[in-house]
Amino acid sequence: MELFKHLIYEYKKGSRDLALYTCNKSEQNTLTEVLQKMKIQYHITNIDSQKINIYFGSSPCLKILRGFSSKNLDKLTPYEDFILGIMLGYSRNEQYNRVLSKITPPKTCW
C-alpha cells in the first residue's frame, strides 16, 4: 500500500503521467475507492485469477492504453510496449534499446 500511495503522490505532483500498480484482486475495492475519492481516473486489467494491474493517471494516457492491441503486457507490440514505458516514466534510453531489441532492423543504405 505504501508504493500505491507513493505513486499517487508522484502523479499528483506531476512527476508522472501514468502509474501502474499490481496487486491482488482482494485489494481492488479499497484501492479504487481511494482513486475515486481523489478523482483520479483509472483502468484495471486482469493478470490472472488472483492478480490485477491498476493503471491510473491522465486521461490521454488511459485513452491510449485502452486502445492497445492486448490487455496482456507480454502480448503488446514492440511499439505499444515502448509507448507504455514512456508514459510510465521509464528511462527513455532504456525504452529505445528495448524496442530496438524487439524489432527487426530495417534495411538502410547508410
Protein backbone atom coordinates (compact mmCIF):
# COMPACT_ATOMS: atom_id res chain seq x y z
CA MET A 1 0.00 0.00 0.00
CA GLU A 2 2.95 2.34 0.61
CA LEU A 3 4.03 2.05 -3.02
CA PHE A 4 0.47 2.77 -4.14
CA LYS A 5 0.39 5.92 -2.00
CA HIS A 6 3.78 6.97 -3.34
CA LEU A 7 2.61 6.54 -6.95
CA ILE A 8 -0.42 8.73 -6.19
CA TYR A 9 1.90 11.33 -4.66
CA GLU A 10 4.11 11.35 -7.77
CA TYR A 11 1.09 11.63 -10.05
CA LYS A 12 -0.43 14.48 -8.02
CA LYS A 13 2.92 16.32 -8.02
CA GLY A 14 3.19 15.96 -11.80
CA SER A 15 6.32 13.82 -11.88
CA ARG A 16 4.48 11.03 -13.72
CA ASP A 17 1.53 10.99 -16.12
CA LEU A 18 0.63 7.34 -15.65
CA ALA A 19 1.21 4.83 -12.87
CA LEU A 20 0.92 1.04 -12.77
CA TYR A 21 0.23 -0.88 -9.58
CA THR A 22 -0.03 -4.68 -9.50
CA CYS A 23 -1.95 -6.23 -6.63
CA ASN A 24 -4.27 -9.00 -5.50
CA LYS A 25 -7.88 -8.76 -6.62
CA SER A 26 -8.89 -8.67 -2.96
CA GLU A 27 -7.38 -5.15 -2.75
CA GLN A 28 -9.29 -3.78 -5.75
CA ASN A 29 -12.23 -2.20 -3.92
CA THR A 30 -10.04 -0.46 -1.35
CA LEU A 31 -7.66 0.93 -3.96
CA THR A 32 -10.36 2.08 -6.38
CA GLU A 33 -12.19 3.83 -3.53
CA VAL A 34 -9.02 5.81 -2.83
CA LEU A 35 -8.66 6.75 -6.50
CA GLN A 36 -12.32 7.73 -6.77
CA LYS A 37 -12.12 9.91 -3.65
CA MET A 38 -9.08 11.65 -5.12
CA LYS A 39 -10.83 11.98 -8.51
CA ILE A 40 -8.06 10.08 -10.28
CA GLN A 41 -9.04 8.16 -13.39
CA TYR A 42 -8.01 4.51 -13.60
CA HIS A 43 -8.19 1.38 -15.72
CA ILE A 44 -7.98 -2.21 -14.45
CA THR A 45 -6.80 -5.30 -16.31
CA ASN A 46 -6.75 -8.87 -15.07
CA ILE A 47 -3.44 -10.67 -14.95
CA ASP A 48 -4.81 -14.00 -13.76
CA SER A 49 -7.50 -15.27 -11.41
CA GLN A 50 -5.90 -13.57 -8.40
CA LYS A 51 -3.96 -10.52 -9.61
CA ILE A 52 -4.78 -7.28 -11.40
CA ASN A 53 -2.97 -4.29 -12.83
CA ILE A 54 -4.38 -0.90 -11.88
CA TYR A 55 -3.28 1.89 -14.20
CA PHE A 56 -4.08 5.41 -13.09
CA GLY A 57 -3.27 8.88 -14.27
CA SER A 58 -4.03 11.33 -17.02
CA SER A 59 -6.98 10.86 -19.31
CA PRO A 60 -4.93 10.90 -22.56
CA CYS A 61 -2.60 8.17 -21.24
CA LEU A 62 -5.51 5.98 -20.19
CA LYS A 63 -7.19 6.51 -23.57
CA ILE A 64 -4.02 5.40 -25.36
CA LEU A 65 -3.71 2.40 -23.03
CA ARG A 66 -7.29 1.31 -23.73
CA GLY A 67 -6.52 1.35 -27.46
CA PHE A 68 -3.67 -1.15 -27.21
CA SER A 69 -3.97 -4.40 -29.13
CA SER A 70 -3.89 -6.54 -25.97
CA LYS A 71 -4.60 -6.27 -22.28
CA ASN A 72 -1.68 -8.65 -21.58
CA LEU A 73 1.63 -6.83 -21.24
CA ASP A 74 3.55 -9.72 -22.77
CA LYS A 75 1.42 -9.55 -25.93
CA LEU A 76 1.85 -5.84 -26.69
CA THR A 77 3.52 -4.89 -29.95
CA PRO A 78 7.05 -3.53 -29.56
CA TYR A 79 5.76 -0.03 -30.23
CA GLU A 80 2.90 -0.32 -27.72
CA ASP A 81 5.40 -1.58 -25.15
CA PHE A 82 7.60 1.43 -25.95
CA ILE A 83 4.73 3.90 -25.59
CA LEU A 84 3.62 2.34 -22.31
CA GLY A 85 7.15 2.52 -20.91
CA ILE A 86 7.45 6.18 -21.86
CA MET A 87 4.03 7.01 -20.33
CA LEU A 88 5.04 5.21 -17.12
CA GLY A 89 8.17 7.35 -16.92
CA TYR A 90 10.76 4.66 -17.55
CA SER A 91 14.17 5.69 -18.84
CA ARG A 92 13.81 6.85 -22.44
CA ASN A 93 17.18 5.42 -23.39
CA GLU A 94 16.28 2.02 -21.94
CA GLN A 95 12.98 2.13 -23.84
CA TYR A 96 14.80 2.92 -27.09
CA ASN A 97 17.08 -0.06 -26.60
CA ARG A 98 14.18 -2.30 -25.55
CA VAL A 99 12.11 -1.55 -28.66
CA LEU A 100 15.14 -1.91 -30.91
CA SER A 101 15.87 -5.33 -29.44
CA LYS A 102 12.33 -6.47 -30.31
CA ILE A 103 12.10 -5.31 -33.91
CA THR A 104 13.94 -6.39 -36.99
CA PRO A 105 16.09 -3.50 -38.04
CA PRO A 106 15.04 -2.02 -41.39
CA LYS A 107 17.47 -2.20 -44.28
CA THR A 108 19.17 1.10 -44.80
CA CYS A 109 21.54 2.46 -47.33
CA TRP A 110 23.73 4.26 -44.83
